Every structure is written in structure tokens, then in C-alpha cells.
Amino acid sequence: MAFIDGTVVNVALPALQASFHATVVDVQWVVESYGVFLAALILAGGSLGDRLGRRRIFVAGVAIFAVASAGCGLAANIHQLIAARSVQGAGAALLVPGSLAIISTSFDQKNRGQAIGTWSGFTAITTAIGPVLGGWLVQHASWRWVFFLNVPLAAAVVVISMWQIPESRNSSAGPIDWAGATLATVGLGGLVGGFIESVSLGWQDPLVAGGLILGSGCLAAFVVLEARVKAPMLPLKLFNSPSFSGANLLTLLLYSAIGIFFFLFPMNLIQVQGYSTTAAGAAVLPLILLIFALSRWSGGLVARYGPRGPLMIGPLIAALGFVLFAMPSVADSYWKSFFPAVIVLGFGMAVTVAPLTTVVMSSVDQGSAGIASGVNNAVARVAGVLAIAILGIAMVTAFSSRLNADLTGLSLPPIVLQGIEANEVRLAGLQVPGGLDPSTETAIKKSVGEAFVFGFRMVMLICAGLCLGSAAVAWQMIPVGDRPSDRKESNEGIKSANGSGY
């Protein structure tokens, strides 16, 4: 449920925008409300399961996720949908870490790696089918079924969990860091909210300035708190390892690029290129399948060459993929334009994902492997949340600049021009005013599409720069001879666990 939902919603965004006449700020919140709560609470969710019972918290997370999914499907307006997505993110923060923890405690050391590998395989499969399934549901039924689908799945999961999964807990688990979880949630939410709302309200608005100040202050307080409490949600001592710090900084940069890509690419395909939602979902399938198919091979690169080489080469290849995404214009053939870019980006990510997770797991002692994995997972999700908020500003700015420049040559009546400019925050979902002659209407629609492509190209080039930054981090912070330790069993099983959820 969680991994399907992580990819399926992006394909449904254009339909949501049309259904609710929403701006890009609104659909950003649909994605970000889920991501903020999941990213901020995922570590607390893992700790809660250790203390109160992993099965109990997992089942509670599934139930919350299901109820929130039904709320999403029944939402009468965009604000109800955003609220339900927030609850859904909180439920995911309980069930995602719980699933892997249950598997880890249910198998002995001999079989644990194979069991976790099976878990990773299923997450990769569901990540792959999510966009295609979601696109088909949107095209042939309704975007609401993207969320309703979770309800019967959740019912089956709860029954199987209560029937087959034994309860387990860690009797020595420390107290839950509720203060840290609260500061992380408010801090991340305030920062994201300030960036997103700046597009429509402006930087001087009290809500925007207040959100940025509150968010920054809470995140700073979070770091101070985590350095002082006895049982921190985020143990800062992990970052004493240069390899661990470098791997997480690399993750932050690389997954920022991936996060904004998966937000904007379906909009480009559906609203500008004219793809059906099913075709748009299938368009990214080769990328995900490449990562799945090559993960074992790329994991072997670490044993042969060490992690620094793959972690430099992989992001460089991904940067080339983003450059290729910046080249197509409107109505170009998928096979000649986007497909090569999808393959190159997928290969770059395939080279990177397994070595990255291996470095994370091998840079700390075995007793900290679980929390290290959780931290890296949280960093990847925070990266996507922040990228959509910050690079969304760049996208809207570039779109508006290009569209305004194109419209000045059409000699439109001032009232029409003002109406278009007031709705530029809808991006390619902008509706052309009625009452215009067909040639003028066609010219405006063409300008809207070209303006979106202009902004998309700029953001893709920024993504390429983020990938280059990732390669530079690997070069500077990942030691040449850093090899995985003798925790081979743990690494083999978990190597795909972090990366498969982007």
C-alpha cells in the first residue's frame, strides 16, 4: 500500500487539478502533506513499534492508512484531500518501518537476508506497477479509486497480520522521543509551507515569513535537543562517521532531483504532451525495472571496487539522464525523446542505489544498522519533500516568465491578459478564457505548453546539477578503500530497502 501510494498519486495529480480546479500549490500540498508526516515521524514510528509491539503498531498504521485512504477518496474539495493525506502519511510512518522490523525479528540470522531480499523485491514490484495501475484507474474509472484501492488491501493485511504474525518488542527500548518528533514535524511542515505558499502569497506575507522562521527555528531546536536527550530519535553520533555523513548528504542531493522529477514529469506527459494517464504511468516503468534488475549486479561493484567509484559514476550517469530530459519539446515521440532519457537515468540510479545503501549499513556498527537505515530512509523522503517545495518555486517562476513574454506578442485585451496572469500558478492546467477566436485560443494554448516545457527544462538542468553535487560528495567524503564489513547478510537483504521507496 505504502509503496504503491508513493508513486501512484503523482500520475493522478493532473486529474486532481482538473477535478478541483486546483493550482499547482494545491497539488503540491497533496504530495507534501503526506511526505512531511511520513518523513518526520518514520523514526518515531520505528521506536514506537520497538517499545509497544511491532505487530500492534504495524496493524495500527495499516488501519490509519486505510481510514485516511477512504477519506482521500471521499474528499469533496482539495482541502479535505490534503487533510486526509496528512493522516495517511502518519499511518505510513507506523507501517513502513514496522514491516521490515517484523521480518527482521521473525527470521534467524541464516534466513533473514533472504526474507528481507524478498521484501525488497515486492516493494520494487509494487513501486513499478503503481504508476501503471494508477494511470489505468484514473483513465477508466476515477482518481478516487487510486485511494479506495487501499481499503480492501488493508483489510486483508490486518487479518493476515493478526493470524500469522507473532508479536515482538524490544524490552530494553528507551523512551520515545516525542519532543523530537514534534519539533521535526512542525519544523519540516513550517519550512515546506513557507516555500510552497510563497508562490501565491509572496515572500513578504506574514504566513510565508512566519512559516519559514518557525520551521527553521524548530529544526535548529530539534538538532540541539537530539544532542542532549538520552534516547534521541536521530542519534547525531552516527554522523561522526565520514562515510555515513557523506552517504546521507549524497542521498539528500540525489533524491531531491528524483523527487521533483516524479512530481513534474507526469504533468508534462499528460497536460502538455497529451499522453493518457495509463501511458504516462507506463513511461517511467523502464526506469524502475532497471533499478530492480540491476540491484544485485551493482551491489557486487562495491565488493570489487569499493563504493566510491560507483557512487561517483552513478550520479554522473543520472546527471546525463536529466540533461536528456531537458531536450524534448512539445509533441516529440516518446521513443526518440523521453525513452533514452528514462533508460540513462534508470541505469544511473541502478548503479547508485545498492552501493549507497551498502555504505550506509557498513559505516556504523551492527547494533546501529537498523537506525542507520531508518535515518537514510528519512533523509531520502525529506529530500523529495524539500525539492518539491523549493524547485516548485523555480518551475512557477520560469513558467510565468516565459508565458508572459510569449503573450505580449499576441495583442490580447488587458482583461484577458490579467485573467491569464492571475491563474499562472496552475501551470499547464491553466484554462484559456472563453470568448476568444479559435486562432488566438490555439496560440495561447501553444504558449502555455511551451512555457511549461521551458520551466521543465530548467528544473531538469538543476536536477543534473544536484547529481553532479552528489558525485562530488562521493569523491570528497567516501573513502577509496571503504569496503562493507562482515555484515554481508544484513547488507544483502537491506540494500534495496531504502532506495525502492523513492
Protein backbone atom coordinates (compact mmCIF):
# COMPACT_ATOMS: atom_id res chain seq x y z
CA MET A 1 0.00 0.00 0.00
CA ALA A 2 2.67 2.50 1.02
CA PHE A 3 4.95 1.89 -1.94
CA ILE A 4 2.11 1.93 -4.48
CA ASP A 5 0.81 5.13 -2.93
CA GLY A 6 4.25 6.71 -3.15
CA THR A 7 4.22 6.53 -6.95
CA VAL A 8 0.57 6.33 -7.97
CA VAL A 9 -0.55 9.75 -6.70
CA ASN A 10 1.79 11.68 -9.00
CA VAL A 11 0.07 10.21 -12.06
CA ALA A 12 -3.30 11.28 -10.65
CA LEU A 13 -2.24 14.89 -9.99
CA PRO A 14 -3.44 16.33 -13.34
CA ALA A 15 -6.85 14.69 -12.82
CA LEU A 16 -6.99 16.07 -9.28
CA GLN A 17 -6.09 19.52 -10.57
CA ALA A 18 -8.84 19.39 -13.18
CA SER A 19 -11.43 17.92 -10.78
CA PHE A 20 -10.92 20.56 -8.09
CA HIS A 21 -9.79 23.43 -10.38
CA ALA A 22 -6.67 23.48 -8.23
CA THR A 23 -3.43 25.41 -8.54
CA VAL A 24 0.00 23.81 -8.57
CA VAL A 25 0.30 24.95 -4.94
CA ASP A 26 -2.74 22.83 -4.07
CA VAL A 27 -1.41 19.71 -5.77
CA GLN A 28 1.98 20.32 -4.16
CA TRP A 29 0.23 20.11 -0.81
CA VAL A 30 -1.43 16.83 -1.84
CA VAL A 31 2.04 15.32 -2.19
CA GLU A 32 3.80 17.28 0.55
CA SER A 33 1.25 16.77 3.35
CA TYR A 34 1.81 13.02 3.04
CA GLY A 35 5.58 13.37 2.71
CA VAL A 36 6.05 15.74 5.65
CA PHE A 37 4.33 13.46 8.16
CA LEU A 38 5.98 10.32 6.80
CA ALA A 39 9.48 11.84 6.75
CA ALA A 40 9.17 13.48 10.18
CA LEU A 41 7.58 10.55 12.00
CA ILE A 42 9.14 7.46 10.39
CA LEU A 43 11.90 7.20 13.00
CA ALA A 44 9.42 7.70 15.84
CA GLY A 45 7.19 5.04 14.24
CA GLY A 46 10.03 2.53 14.37
CA SER A 47 10.75 3.36 18.03
CA LEU A 48 7.06 3.08 18.89
CA GLY A 49 6.95 -0.44 17.43
CA ASP A 50 10.06 -1.50 19.37
CA ARG A 51 8.52 -0.29 22.63
CA LEU A 52 4.80 -1.14 22.33
CA GLY A 53 4.90 -4.12 19.99
CA ARG A 54 5.83 -4.23 16.33
CA ARG A 55 2.73 -6.09 15.16
CA ARG A 56 0.44 -3.82 17.18
CA ILE A 57 1.92 -0.62 15.73
CA PHE A 58 2.08 -2.10 12.23
CA VAL A 59 -1.60 -3.03 12.32
CA ALA A 60 -2.47 0.38 13.78
CA GLY A 61 -0.57 2.03 10.93
CA VAL A 62 -2.40 -0.07 8.34
CA ALA A 63 -5.77 0.80 9.89
CA ILE A 64 -4.98 4.54 10.00
CA PHE A 65 -3.71 4.38 6.42
CA ALA A 66 -6.90 2.66 5.26
CA VAL A 67 -9.26 5.09 7.00
CA ALA A 68 -7.30 8.04 5.63
CA SER A 69 -7.34 6.49 2.15
CA ALA A 70 -11.13 6.28 2.30
CA GLY A 71 -11.14 9.92 3.39
CA CYS A 72 -8.99 10.81 0.38
CA GLY A 73 -11.39 9.03 -1.97
CA LEU A 74 -14.42 10.75 -0.45
CA ALA A 75 -12.87 14.23 -0.33
CA ALA A 76 -15.30 16.89 -1.55
CA ASN A 77 -12.62 19.55 -2.02
CA ILE A 78 -8.87 19.90 -2.21
CA HIS A 79 -8.54 20.92 1.44
CA GLN A 80 -10.27 17.76 2.66
CA LEU A 81 -7.97 15.73 0.43
CA ILE A 82 -4.86 17.44 1.85
CA ALA A 83 -6.05 16.80 5.43
CA ALA A 84 -6.70 13.12 4.69
CA ARG A 85 -3.29 12.81 3.02
CA SER A 86 -1.67 14.16 6.20
CA VAL A 87 -3.32 11.40 8.25
CA GLN A 88 -2.30 8.88 5.59
CA GLY A 89 1.34 9.96 5.98
CA ALA A 90 1.15 9.46 9.74
CA GLY A 91 -0.22 5.95 9.20
CA ALA A 92 2.56 5.18 6.72
CA ALA A 93 5.13 6.30 9.30
CA LEU A 94 3.88 3.46 11.54
CA LEU A 95 3.55 0.70 8.96
CA VAL A 96 6.66 1.26 6.78
CA PRO A 97 9.35 0.73 9.47
CA GLY A 98 7.18 -1.88 11.19
CA SER A 99 7.07 -4.16 8.14
CA LEU A 100 10.84 -4.52 7.88
CA ALA A 101 11.29 -4.76 11.64
CA ILE A 102 8.75 -7.62 11.84
CA ILE A 103 10.61 -9.55 9.14
CA SER A 104 13.97 -8.92 10.80
CA THR A 105 12.76 -10.30 14.14
CA SER A 106 10.80 -13.23 12.67
CA PHE A 107 13.76 -14.98 10.99
CA ASP A 108 17.05 -16.28 12.29
CA GLN A 109 20.34 -14.93 11.01
CA LYS A 110 20.66 -17.66 8.39
CA ASN A 111 17.34 -16.90 6.68
CA ARG A 112 16.93 -13.20 7.47
CA GLY A 113 18.83 -11.92 4.44
CA GLN A 114 16.71 -13.96 2.03
CA ALA A 115 13.50 -12.85 3.76
CA ILE A 116 14.42 -9.17 3.61
CA GLY A 117 15.50 -9.65 0.00
CA THR A 118 12.02 -10.98 -0.78
CA TRP A 119 10.53 -7.93 0.99
CA SER A 120 12.72 -5.67 -1.17
CA GLY A 121 11.65 -7.49 -4.32
CA PHE A 122 7.96 -7.00 -3.56
CA THR A 123 8.46 -3.31 -2.79
CA ALA A 124 10.22 -2.91 -6.14
CA ILE A 125 7.38 -4.68 -7.95
CA THR A 126 4.69 -2.55 -6.31
CA THR A 127 6.70 0.61 -6.95
CA ALA A 128 6.82 -0.39 -10.62
CA ILE A 129 3.14 -1.27 -11.06
CA GLY A 130 1.90 1.71 -9.03
CA PRO A 131 2.03 4.32 -11.82
CA VAL A 132 0.58 1.97 -14.43
CA LEU A 133 -2.24 0.77 -12.17
CA GLY A 134 -2.95 4.30 -11.02
CA GLY A 135 -2.97 5.63 -14.56
CA TRP A 136 -5.39 2.92 -15.65
CA LEU A 137 -7.74 3.65 -12.73
CA VAL A 138 -7.68 7.39 -13.41
CA GLN A 139 -8.31 6.86 -17.13
CA HIS A 140 -11.03 4.20 -16.90
CA ALA A 141 -12.66 4.87 -13.51
CA SER A 142 -11.77 7.86 -11.34
CA TRP A 143 -8.80 9.25 -9.43
CA ARG A 144 -10.79 8.38 -6.28
CA TRP A 145 -10.20 4.67 -6.90
CA VAL A 146 -6.47 5.27 -6.52
CA PHE A 147 -7.25 5.72 -2.82
CA PHE A 148 -10.23 3.35 -2.45
CA LEU A 149 -7.97 0.53 -3.66
CA ASN A 150 -6.15 0.65 -0.32
CA VAL A 151 -9.22 -0.25 1.75
CA PRO A 152 -9.63 -3.94 0.76
CA LEU A 153 -5.86 -4.36 0.74
CA ALA A 154 -5.69 -3.03 4.29
CA ALA A 155 -8.47 -5.35 5.45
CA ALA A 156 -6.55 -8.34 4.10
CA VAL A 157 -3.30 -7.14 5.70
CA VAL A 158 -4.92 -6.75 9.13
CA VAL A 159 -6.46 -10.24 9.00
CA ILE A 160 -3.19 -11.87 7.88
CA SER A 161 -1.19 -9.91 10.45
CA MET A 162 -3.38 -10.96 13.38
CA TRP A 163 -3.48 -14.54 12.13
CA GLN A 164 0.12 -15.21 11.10
CA ILE A 165 2.48 -12.58 12.56
CA PRO A 166 3.83 -13.10 16.09
CA GLU A 167 4.10 -10.11 18.39
CA SER A 168 7.59 -8.87 19.23
CA ARG A 169 9.08 -5.93 21.09
CA ASN A 170 12.38 -4.73 22.47
CA SER A 171 12.18 -4.83 26.26
CA SER A 172 15.25 -2.61 26.55
CA ALA A 173 13.92 0.08 24.20
CA GLY A 174 14.26 3.59 25.59
CA PRO A 175 11.52 6.21 25.91
CA ILE A 176 10.00 7.60 22.72
CA ASP A 177 11.36 10.98 21.70
CA TRP A 178 8.00 12.76 21.37
CA ALA A 179 9.58 16.21 21.68
CA GLY A 180 11.94 15.43 18.81
CA ALA A 181 9.11 14.08 16.66
CA THR A 182 7.04 17.20 17.32
CA LEU A 183 9.89 19.58 16.51
CA ALA A 184 10.73 17.65 13.33
CA THR A 185 7.11 17.70 12.15
CA VAL A 186 6.48 21.37 12.91
CA GLY A 187 9.90 22.38 11.56
CA LEU A 188 9.62 20.49 8.30
CA GLY A 189 5.97 21.50 7.87
CA GLY A 190 6.69 25.17 8.52
CA LEU A 191 9.63 25.27 6.14
CA VAL A 192 7.77 23.43 3.37
CA GLY A 193 4.64 25.53 3.90
CA GLY A 194 6.58 28.77 3.66
CA PHE A 195 8.26 27.79 0.40
CA ILE A 196 5.07 26.45 -1.21
CA GLU A 197 2.83 29.37 -0.27
CA SER A 198 5.43 31.95 -1.36
CA VAL A 199 4.39 31.24 -4.96
CA SER A 200 0.89 32.62 -4.47
CA LEU A 201 1.27 34.88 -1.41
CA GLY A 202 4.73 36.39 -1.94
CA TRP A 203 7.76 36.38 0.37
CA GLN A 204 6.53 39.36 2.43
CA ASP A 205 3.30 37.66 3.50
CA PRO A 206 3.20 37.00 7.28
CA LEU A 207 2.13 33.39 6.72
CA VAL A 208 5.14 32.74 4.46
CA ALA A 209 7.68 34.58 6.60
CA GLY A 210 6.24 33.10 9.79
CA GLY A 211 6.32 29.57 8.36
CA LEU A 212 9.96 29.88 7.30
CA ILE A 213 11.02 31.38 10.64
CA LEU A 214 9.06 28.82 12.66
CA GLY A 215 10.31 25.94 10.54
CA SER A 216 13.95 26.99 10.71
CA GLY A 217 13.73 27.61 14.46
CA CYS A 218 12.11 24.25 15.17
CA LEU A 219 14.64 22.33 13.08
CA ALA A 220 17.50 24.12 14.84
CA ALA A 221 15.91 23.28 18.20
CA PHE A 222 15.49 19.68 17.01
CA VAL A 223 19.24 19.34 16.42
CA VAL A 224 20.03 20.82 19.85
CA LEU A 225 17.50 18.52 21.54
CA GLU A 226 18.78 15.39 19.80
CA ALA A 227 22.29 16.13 21.06
CA ARG A 228 21.06 16.25 24.68
CA VAL A 229 18.32 13.64 25.22
CA LYS A 230 19.22 10.13 26.38
CA ALA A 231 17.18 8.30 23.72
CA PRO A 232 17.17 10.57 20.65
CA MET A 233 15.02 9.90 17.62
CA LEU A 234 18.03 10.88 15.50
CA PRO A 235 21.33 9.81 17.13
CA LEU A 236 23.74 12.52 15.99
CA LYS A 237 26.73 10.35 16.92
CA LEU A 238 26.10 8.37 13.73
CA PHE A 239 27.28 11.37 11.76
CA ASN A 240 30.74 11.10 13.34
CA SER A 241 31.40 8.58 10.56
CA PRO A 242 32.52 10.47 7.41
CA SER A 243 31.12 7.67 5.24
CA PHE A 244 27.70 7.86 6.92
CA SER A 245 27.60 11.67 6.67
CA GLY A 246 28.73 11.58 3.05
CA ALA A 247 26.20 8.90 2.12
CA ASN A 248 23.34 10.90 3.62
CA LEU A 249 24.43 14.18 2.01
CA LEU A 250 24.64 12.32 -1.31
CA THR A 251 21.15 10.93 -0.66
CA LEU A 252 19.79 14.42 0.09
CA LEU A 253 21.06 15.83 -3.21
CA LEU A 254 20.26 12.86 -5.44
CA TYR A 255 16.78 12.18 -4.09
CA SER A 256 15.93 15.88 -4.31
CA ALA A 257 16.37 15.54 -8.06
CA ILE A 258 14.33 12.33 -8.15
CA GLY A 259 11.56 13.84 -6.03
CA ILE A 260 10.89 16.88 -8.23
CA PHE A 261 11.24 14.75 -11.38
CA PHE A 262 8.46 12.37 -10.36
CA PHE A 263 6.28 15.36 -9.46
CA LEU A 264 6.66 17.27 -12.76
CA PHE A 265 7.18 14.52 -15.34
CA PRO A 266 3.60 13.12 -15.26
CA MET A 267 2.26 16.69 -15.62
CA ASN A 268 4.45 17.19 -18.67
CA LEU A 269 3.32 13.94 -20.27
CA ILE A 270 -0.41 14.31 -19.53
CA GLN A 271 -1.08 18.06 -19.69
CA VAL A 272 1.45 19.09 -22.34
CA GLN A 273 2.39 16.05 -24.40
CA GLY A 274 -1.17 14.66 -24.47
CA TYR A 275 -0.47 11.22 -23.00
CA SER A 276 -3.21 9.19 -21.36
CA THR A 277 -2.73 8.59 -17.66
CA THR A 278 -2.02 4.91 -18.33
CA ALA A 279 0.66 5.77 -20.88
CA ALA A 280 2.17 8.34 -18.52
CA GLY A 281 2.39 5.73 -15.78
CA ALA A 282 3.99 3.22 -18.14
CA ALA A 283 6.52 5.81 -19.34
CA VAL A 284 8.60 5.54 -16.15
CA LEU A 285 8.33 1.76 -15.90
CA PRO A 286 11.70 1.05 -17.60
CA LEU A 287 13.47 3.21 -15.01
CA ILE A 288 12.09 1.26 -12.05
CA LEU A 289 12.61 -2.12 -13.71
CA LEU A 290 16.27 -1.26 -14.43
CA ILE A 291 16.89 -0.47 -10.77
CA PHE A 292 15.22 -3.73 -9.76
CA ALA A 293 17.01 -5.87 -12.34
CA LEU A 294 20.50 -4.46 -11.77
CA SER A 295 20.49 -4.02 -7.98
CA ARG A 296 22.33 -7.31 -7.29
CA TRP A 297 24.91 -6.52 -10.00
CA SER A 298 25.52 -3.01 -8.71
CA GLY A 299 25.80 -4.33 -5.15
CA GLY A 300 28.64 -6.54 -6.38
CA LEU A 301 30.51 -3.47 -7.61
CA VAL A 302 31.16 -2.47 -4.01
CA ALA A 303 32.88 -5.75 -3.18
CA ARG A 304 35.03 -5.45 -6.30
CA TYR A 305 35.85 -1.74 -6.50
CA GLY A 306 34.72 -0.20 -3.23
CA PRO A 307 31.77 2.20 -3.02
CA ARG A 308 33.36 5.49 -4.05
CA GLY A 309 33.65 4.63 -7.76
CA PRO A 310 30.01 3.54 -8.22
CA LEU A 311 28.79 6.46 -6.09
CA MET A 312 30.62 8.87 -8.38
CA ILE A 313 29.79 7.21 -11.69
CA GLY A 314 26.11 6.51 -10.91
CA PRO A 315 25.15 10.15 -10.21
CA LEU A 316 27.17 11.29 -13.24
CA ILE A 317 25.13 8.95 -15.44
CA ALA A 318 21.94 10.18 -13.75
CA ALA A 319 23.02 13.78 -14.48
CA LEU A 320 23.28 12.87 -18.18
CA GLY A 321 19.78 11.40 -17.97
CA PHE A 322 18.39 14.67 -16.62
CA VAL A 323 20.15 16.61 -19.38
CA LEU A 324 18.44 14.34 -21.90
CA PHE A 325 15.08 15.09 -20.26
CA ALA A 326 15.76 18.79 -20.82
CA MET A 327 15.96 18.36 -24.60
CA PRO A 328 12.49 17.22 -25.87
CA SER A 329 9.92 19.84 -26.78
CA VAL A 330 6.13 19.58 -27.28
CA ALA A 331 4.75 16.55 -29.20
CA ASP A 332 8.09 14.76 -29.62
CA SER A 333 7.95 10.97 -29.94
CA TYR A 334 8.39 9.09 -26.65
CA TRP A 335 10.79 6.53 -28.13
CA LYS A 336 13.06 9.18 -29.64
CA SER A 337 12.90 11.71 -26.81
CA PHE A 338 11.91 10.51 -23.35
CA PHE A 339 12.74 6.78 -23.59
CA PRO A 340 16.54 7.28 -23.95
CA ALA A 341 16.45 9.69 -21.00
CA VAL A 342 14.45 7.19 -18.91
CA ILE A 343 16.98 4.43 -19.67
CA VAL A 344 20.02 6.58 -18.87
CA LEU A 345 18.51 7.90 -15.63
CA GLY A 346 17.42 4.39 -14.64
CA PHE A 347 20.90 2.99 -15.26
CA GLY A 348 22.46 5.81 -13.24
CA MET A 349 20.14 5.13 -10.31
CA ALA A 350 20.73 1.37 -10.62
CA VAL A 351 24.49 1.90 -10.31
CA THR A 352 23.93 4.14 -7.26
CA VAL A 353 21.16 2.66 -5.08
CA ALA A 354 22.70 -0.60 -3.83
CA PRO A 355 26.21 0.81 -3.18
CA LEU A 356 24.66 3.80 -1.40
CA THR A 357 22.67 1.61 0.98
CA THR A 358 25.66 -0.68 1.49
CA VAL A 359 27.77 2.31 2.58
CA VAL A 360 25.06 3.43 4.99
CA MET A 361 24.84 -0.02 6.57
CA SER A 362 28.58 -0.68 6.69
CA SER A 363 29.62 2.71 8.08
CA VAL A 364 28.14 2.04 11.53
CA ASP A 365 28.41 -0.84 13.99
CA GLN A 366 26.00 -3.72 13.65
CA GLY A 367 23.91 -2.65 16.63
CA SER A 368 23.13 0.65 14.91
CA ALA A 369 22.36 -0.79 11.47
CA GLY A 370 18.59 -0.51 11.89
CA ILE A 371 18.57 3.13 12.96
CA ALA A 372 21.15 3.96 10.25
CA SER A 373 18.84 2.50 7.62
CA GLY A 374 15.92 4.45 9.08
CA VAL A 375 17.87 7.72 9.07
CA ASN A 376 18.86 7.28 5.43
CA ASN A 377 15.26 6.43 4.52
CA ALA A 378 14.07 9.58 6.30
CA VAL A 379 16.72 11.70 4.55
CA ALA A 380 15.57 10.41 1.16
CA ARG A 381 11.97 11.36 1.95
CA VAL A 382 12.92 14.78 3.35
CA ALA A 383 14.89 15.40 0.15
CA GLY A 384 11.81 14.81 -2.01
CA VAL A 385 9.62 16.96 0.23
CA LEU A 386 12.02 19.92 0.18
CA ALA A 387 12.72 19.60 -3.55
CA ILE A 388 9.05 19.80 -4.50
CA ALA A 389 8.63 22.85 -2.26
CA ILE A 390 11.78 24.74 -3.36
CA LEU A 391 12.16 23.73 -7.01
CA GLY A 392 8.41 24.18 -7.43
CA ILE A 393 9.11 27.89 -6.96
CA ALA A 394 11.69 27.76 -9.75
CA MET A 395 9.21 25.97 -12.02
CA VAL A 396 6.40 28.50 -11.49
CA THR A 397 8.80 31.44 -11.90
CA ALA A 398 10.23 30.13 -15.17
CA PHE A 399 6.77 29.22 -16.49
CA SER A 400 5.35 32.68 -15.71
CA SER A 401 8.34 34.50 -17.19
CA ARG A 402 8.23 32.59 -20.47
CA LEU A 403 4.42 32.74 -20.78
CA ASN A 404 4.28 36.47 -20.13
CA ALA A 405 6.95 37.07 -22.76
CA ASP A 406 5.03 35.00 -25.33
CA LEU A 407 1.67 36.63 -24.56
CA THR A 408 2.98 40.15 -25.16
CA GLY A 409 3.19 39.34 -28.87
CA LEU A 410 -0.46 38.23 -29.13
CA SER A 411 -2.02 41.68 -28.51
CA LEU A 412 -4.58 40.31 -26.07
CA PRO A 413 -7.18 42.56 -24.39
CA PRO A 414 -5.92 43.70 -20.95
CA ILE A 415 -8.72 41.90 -19.09
CA VAL A 416 -7.85 38.58 -20.81
CA LEU A 417 -4.15 39.08 -20.12
CA GLN A 418 -4.85 39.81 -16.46
CA GLY A 419 -7.03 36.71 -16.16
CA ILE A 420 -4.27 34.51 -17.57
CA GLU A 421 -1.59 36.04 -15.36
CA ALA A 422 -3.75 35.57 -12.26
CA ASN A 423 -4.01 31.83 -12.99
CA GLU A 424 -0.40 31.14 -13.99
CA VAL A 425 0.08 29.22 -10.74
CA ARG A 426 -1.98 26.44 -12.36
CA LEU A 427 0.92 25.83 -14.79
CA ALA A 428 -0.16 23.64 -17.71
CA GLY A 429 -3.57 23.21 -16.09
CA LEU A 430 -4.33 26.85 -16.85
CA GLN A 431 -7.71 27.27 -18.54
CA VAL A 432 -7.83 29.60 -21.55
CA PRO A 433 -10.51 32.33 -21.13
CA GLY A 434 -13.66 31.85 -23.22
CA GLY A 435 -14.95 34.13 -25.93
CA LEU A 436 -11.71 34.26 -27.93
CA ASP A 437 -11.40 33.48 -31.62
CA PRO A 438 -10.08 29.98 -32.40
CA SER A 439 -6.69 31.15 -33.67
CA THR A 440 -6.00 33.21 -30.55
CA GLU A 441 -7.13 30.37 -28.29
CA THR A 442 -4.82 27.96 -30.11
CA ALA A 443 -1.92 30.41 -29.82
CA ILE A 444 -2.46 30.78 -26.06
CA LYS A 445 -2.61 27.01 -25.55
CA LYS A 446 0.60 26.62 -27.54
CA SER A 447 2.29 29.30 -25.42
CA VAL A 448 1.15 27.58 -22.21
CA GLY A 449 2.63 24.26 -23.35
CA GLU A 450 5.89 25.83 -24.46
CA ALA A 451 6.17 27.77 -21.20
CA PHE A 452 5.74 24.57 -19.19
CA VAL A 453 8.42 22.82 -21.26
CA PHE A 454 10.72 25.82 -20.72
CA GLY A 455 10.30 25.58 -16.94
CA PHE A 456 10.61 21.78 -17.01
CA ARG A 457 13.88 22.03 -18.93
CA MET A 458 15.30 24.47 -16.42
CA VAL A 459 14.35 22.26 -13.47
CA MET A 460 15.84 19.19 -15.19
CA LEU A 461 19.14 21.05 -15.60
CA ILE A 462 19.02 21.95 -11.90
CA CYS A 463 18.48 18.24 -11.21
CA ALA A 464 21.55 17.46 -13.30
CA GLY A 465 23.48 19.91 -11.13
CA LEU A 466 22.25 18.16 -7.98
CA CYS A 467 23.51 14.86 -9.37
CA LEU A 468 26.90 16.40 -10.09
CA GLY A 469 26.92 17.62 -6.48
CA SER A 470 26.20 14.04 -5.38
CA ALA A 471 29.19 12.77 -7.35
CA ALA A 472 31.37 15.48 -5.80
CA VAL A 473 30.24 14.44 -2.30
CA ALA A 474 31.19 10.82 -3.06
CA TRP A 475 34.59 11.95 -4.31
CA GLN A 476 35.28 14.04 -1.20
CA MET A 477 33.64 12.06 1.62
CA ILE A 478 33.53 8.36 0.69
CA PRO A 479 36.93 6.71 1.36
CA VAL A 480 38.58 4.90 -1.56
CA GLY A 481 39.13 1.63 0.25
CA ASP A 482 35.92 1.64 2.28
CA ARG A 483 34.54 -1.92 1.95
CA PRO A 484 31.48 -3.44 3.54
CA SER A 485 32.21 -5.10 6.83
CA ASP A 486 31.40 -8.71 7.60
CA ARG A 487 27.69 -7.79 7.88
CA LYS A 488 27.15 -9.26 4.42
CA GLU A 489 23.87 -10.91 5.33
CA SER A 490 22.39 -7.68 6.61
CA ASN A 491 23.57 -5.64 3.65
CA GLU A 492 22.37 -8.07 1.02
CA GLY A 493 18.86 -8.06 2.41
CA ILE A 494 18.51 -4.35 3.04
CA LYS A 495 20.39 -2.96 0.05
CA SER A 496 17.21 -2.29 -1.89
CA ALA A 497 15.05 -1.34 1.08
CA ASN A 498 15.94 2.36 1.18
CA GLY A 499 16.14 3.07 -2.50
CA SER A 500 13.00 1.28 -3.60
CA GLY A 501 10.73 3.76 -1.93
CA TYR A 502 11.68 6.94 -3.76
